[in-house]
Amino acid sequence: MPEGIYQANPPEPYENRKGKQPTLLSNDVVKVLLSSPNTWFRIAERSKWISGVKQNIESMTQRNISHLADKGKFEIQQRKNINSNNIDIYCRFVTTNNEEE
């Protein structure tokens, strides 16, 4: 065999992406939300209110969800947790069909 050529399987998509990776709405969280549309889930707890990340998710500009813009949208709610004094982040995926209702 020529030098530099060897048998190998390609890595999973997005496994070797460059740049900052999503932490709040990661691919695993997106899968859960898409499997149960229109259902609220508590997805995270943060020490501060989120604003920019919330905006990126709701405007569907985050890279790992931008391809879903024609299928529906993500909604985010933030509530102060009185027990931990942190902010609970809730999210749901609303399908395009249910947006009109």
C-alpha atoms as a PDB file:
ATOM      1  CA  MET A   1       0.000   0.000   0.000  1.00  0.00           C
ATOM      2  CA  PRO A   2       1.171   3.549  -0.630  1.00  0.00           C
ATOM      3  CA  GLU A   3       2.490   5.473   2.356  1.00  0.00           C
ATOM      4  CA  GLY A   4      -0.174   7.313   4.385  1.00  0.00           C
ATOM      5  CA  ILE A   5      -3.055   5.091   3.263  1.00  0.00           C
ATOM      6  CA  TYR A   6      -4.653   2.746   5.770  1.00  0.00           C
ATOM      7  CA  GLN A   7      -8.063   1.232   6.478  1.00  0.00           C
ATOM      8  CA  ALA A   8     -10.177   3.306   8.867  1.00  0.00           C
ATOM      9  CA  ASN A   9     -13.787   4.229   9.530  1.00  0.00           C
ATOM     10  CA  PRO A  10     -14.656   7.953   9.392  1.00  0.00           C
ATOM     11  CA  PRO A  11     -15.435   9.669  12.714  1.00  0.00           C
ATOM     12  CA  GLU A  12     -19.007  10.519  13.653  1.00  0.00           C
ATOM     13  CA  PRO A  13     -20.266  13.839  12.258  1.00  0.00           C
ATOM     14  CA  TYR A  14     -19.397  16.903  14.350  1.00  0.00           C
ATOM     15  CA  GLU A  15     -17.091  14.864  16.609  1.00  0.00           C
ATOM     16  CA  ASN A  16     -14.040  16.875  15.607  1.00  0.00           C
ATOM     17  CA  ARG A  17     -15.612  20.314  15.219  1.00  0.00           C
ATOM     18  CA  LYS A  18     -13.584  23.411  15.914  1.00  0.00           C
ATOM     19  CA  GLY A  19     -14.736  26.335  18.000  1.00  0.00           C
ATOM     20  CA  LYS A  20     -16.922  26.597  21.063  1.00  0.00           C
ATOM     21  CA  GLN A  21     -19.341  23.692  21.457  1.00  0.00           C
ATOM     22  CA  PRO A  22     -22.883  24.155  22.777  1.00  0.00           C
ATOM     23  CA  THR A  23     -23.227  23.245  26.437  1.00  0.00           C
ATOM     24  CA  LEU A  24     -26.798  24.239  27.300  1.00  0.00           C
ATOM     25  CA  LEU A  25     -28.515  22.793  24.223  1.00  0.00           C
ATOM     26  CA  SER A  26     -26.098  20.033  23.266  1.00  0.00           C
ATOM     27  CA  ASN A  27     -26.891  17.366  20.679  1.00  0.00           C
ATOM     28  CA  ASP A  28     -28.023  14.929  23.395  1.00  0.00           C
ATOM     29  CA  VAL A  29     -30.449  17.467  24.855  1.00  0.00           C
ATOM     30  CA  VAL A  30     -31.765  18.306  21.366  1.00  0.00           C
ATOM     31  CA  LYS A  31     -32.518  14.611  20.755  1.00  0.00           C
ATOM     32  CA  VAL A  32     -34.577  14.424  23.962  1.00  0.00           C
ATOM     33  CA  LEU A  33     -36.510  17.591  23.130  1.00  0.00           C
ATOM     34  CA  LEU A  34     -37.223  16.466  19.564  1.00  0.00           C
ATOM     35  CA  SER A  35     -38.448  13.061  20.746  1.00  0.00           C
ATOM     36  CA  SER A  36     -41.126  14.745  22.916  1.00  0.00           C
ATOM     37  CA  PRO A  37     -42.229  17.911  21.128  1.00  0.00           C
ATOM     38  CA  ASN A  38     -44.286  20.519  22.999  1.00  0.00           C
ATOM     39  CA  THR A  39     -43.162  19.122  26.377  1.00  0.00           C
ATOM     40  CA  TRP A  40     -41.182  21.214  28.864  1.00  0.00           C
ATOM     41  CA  PHE A  41     -37.923  19.815  30.256  1.00  0.00           C
ATOM     42  CA  ARG A  42     -35.578  21.262  32.866  1.00  0.00           C
ATOM     43  CA  ILE A  43     -32.328  21.130  30.917  1.00  0.00           C
ATOM     44  CA  ALA A  44     -29.853  22.941  33.163  1.00  0.00           C
ATOM     45  CA  GLU A  45     -29.137  24.977  36.256  1.00  0.00           C
ATOM     46  CA  ARG A  46     -27.000  28.108  36.076  1.00  0.00           C
ATOM     47  CA  SER A  47     -25.710  30.555  38.650  1.00  0.00           C
ATOM     48  CA  LYS A  48     -26.719  33.570  36.507  1.00  0.00           C
ATOM     49  CA  TRP A  49     -29.587  34.453  34.180  1.00  0.00           C
ATOM     50  CA  ILE A  50     -28.819  33.604  30.556  1.00  0.00           C
ATOM     51  CA  SER A  51     -29.585  36.096  27.801  1.00  0.00           C
ATOM     52  CA  GLY A  52     -27.295  35.736  24.785  1.00  0.00           C
ATOM     53  CA  VAL A  53     -27.485  31.958  24.766  1.00  0.00           C
ATOM     54  CA  LYS A  54     -31.276  32.155  25.120  1.00  0.00           C
ATOM     55  CA  GLN A  55     -31.416  34.531  22.155  1.00  0.00           C
ATOM     56  CA  ASN A  56     -29.232  32.250  19.996  1.00  0.00           C
ATOM     57  CA  ILE A  57     -31.397  29.238  20.762  1.00  0.00           C
ATOM     58  CA  GLU A  58     -34.736  30.968  20.241  1.00  0.00           C
ATOM     59  CA  SER A  59     -33.584  32.580  16.994  1.00  0.00           C
ATOM     60  CA  MET A  60     -32.301  29.152  15.838  1.00  0.00           C
ATOM     61  CA  THR A  61     -28.820  30.545  15.067  1.00  0.00           C
ATOM     62  CA  GLN A  62     -26.958  28.009  17.190  1.00  0.00           C
ATOM     63  CA  ARG A  63     -25.121  25.788  14.709  1.00  0.00           C
ATOM     64  CA  ASN A  64     -26.390  22.402  15.896  1.00  0.00           C
ATOM     65  CA  ILE A  65     -30.071  23.424  15.643  1.00  0.00           C
ATOM     66  CA  SER A  66     -30.165  25.856  12.704  1.00  0.00           C
ATOM     67  CA  HIS A  67     -31.232  23.107  10.286  1.00  0.00           C
ATOM     68  CA  LEU A  68     -34.432  22.620  12.330  1.00  0.00           C
ATOM     69  CA  ALA A  69     -35.742  26.165  11.775  1.00  0.00           C
ATOM     70  CA  ASP A  70     -38.376  25.085   9.244  1.00  0.00           C
ATOM     71  CA  LYS A  71     -39.622  22.287  11.560  1.00  0.00           C
ATOM     72  CA  GLY A  72     -40.353  24.412  14.622  1.00  0.00           C
ATOM     73  CA  LYS A  73     -38.675  26.459  17.323  1.00  0.00           C
ATOM     74  CA  PHE A  74     -37.183  26.107  20.783  1.00  0.00           C
ATOM     75  CA  GLU A  75     -38.679  28.063  23.683  1.00  0.00           C
ATOM     76  CA  ILE A  76     -36.699  28.786  26.846  1.00  0.00           C
ATOM     77  CA  GLN A  77     -37.968  29.828  30.275  1.00  0.00           C
ATOM     78  CA  GLN A  78     -35.859  30.722  33.314  1.00  0.00           C
ATOM     79  CA  ARG A  79     -37.025  30.427  36.896  1.00  0.00           C
ATOM     80  CA  LYS A  80     -35.196  31.113  40.141  1.00  0.00           C
ATOM     81  CA  ASN A  81     -34.878  27.992  42.276  1.00  0.00           C
ATOM     82  CA  ILE A  82     -35.537  29.021  45.875  1.00  0.00           C
ATOM     83  CA  ASN A  83     -33.801  25.918  47.270  1.00  0.00           C
ATOM     84  CA  SER A  84     -30.472  26.325  45.490  1.00  0.00           C
ATOM     85  CA  ASN A  85     -30.668  30.077  44.771  1.00  0.00           C
ATOM     86  CA  ASN A  86     -29.679  29.275  41.175  1.00  0.00           C
ATOM     87  CA  ILE A  87     -31.577  29.647  37.908  1.00  0.00           C
ATOM     88  CA  ASP A  88     -33.352  26.618  36.442  1.00  0.00           C
ATOM     89  CA  ILE A  89     -33.452  26.590  32.629  1.00  0.00           C
ATOM     90  CA  TYR A  90     -36.486  24.986  30.977  1.00  0.00           C
ATOM     91  CA  CYS A  91     -36.817  24.289  27.278  1.00  0.00           C
ATOM     92  CA  ARG A  92     -39.250  22.750  24.817  1.00  0.00           C
ATOM     93  CA  PHE A  93     -39.408  22.254  21.064  1.00  0.00           C
ATOM     94  CA  VAL A  94     -42.621  23.582  19.534  1.00  0.00           C
ATOM     95  CA  THR A  95     -43.409  22.099  16.150  1.00  0.00           C
ATOM     96  CA  THR A  96     -44.480  24.349  13.296  1.00  0.00           C
ATOM     97  CA  ASN A  97     -47.951  22.772  13.317  1.00  0.00           C
ATOM     98  CA  ASN A  98     -48.541  23.760  16.950  1.00  0.00           C
ATOM     99  CA  GLU A  99     -47.171  27.311  16.559  1.00  0.00           C
ATOM    100  CA  GLU A 100     -50.280  28.290  14.607  1.00  0.00           C
ATOM    101  CA  GLU A 101     -52.693  27.188  17.373  1.00  0.00           C
END
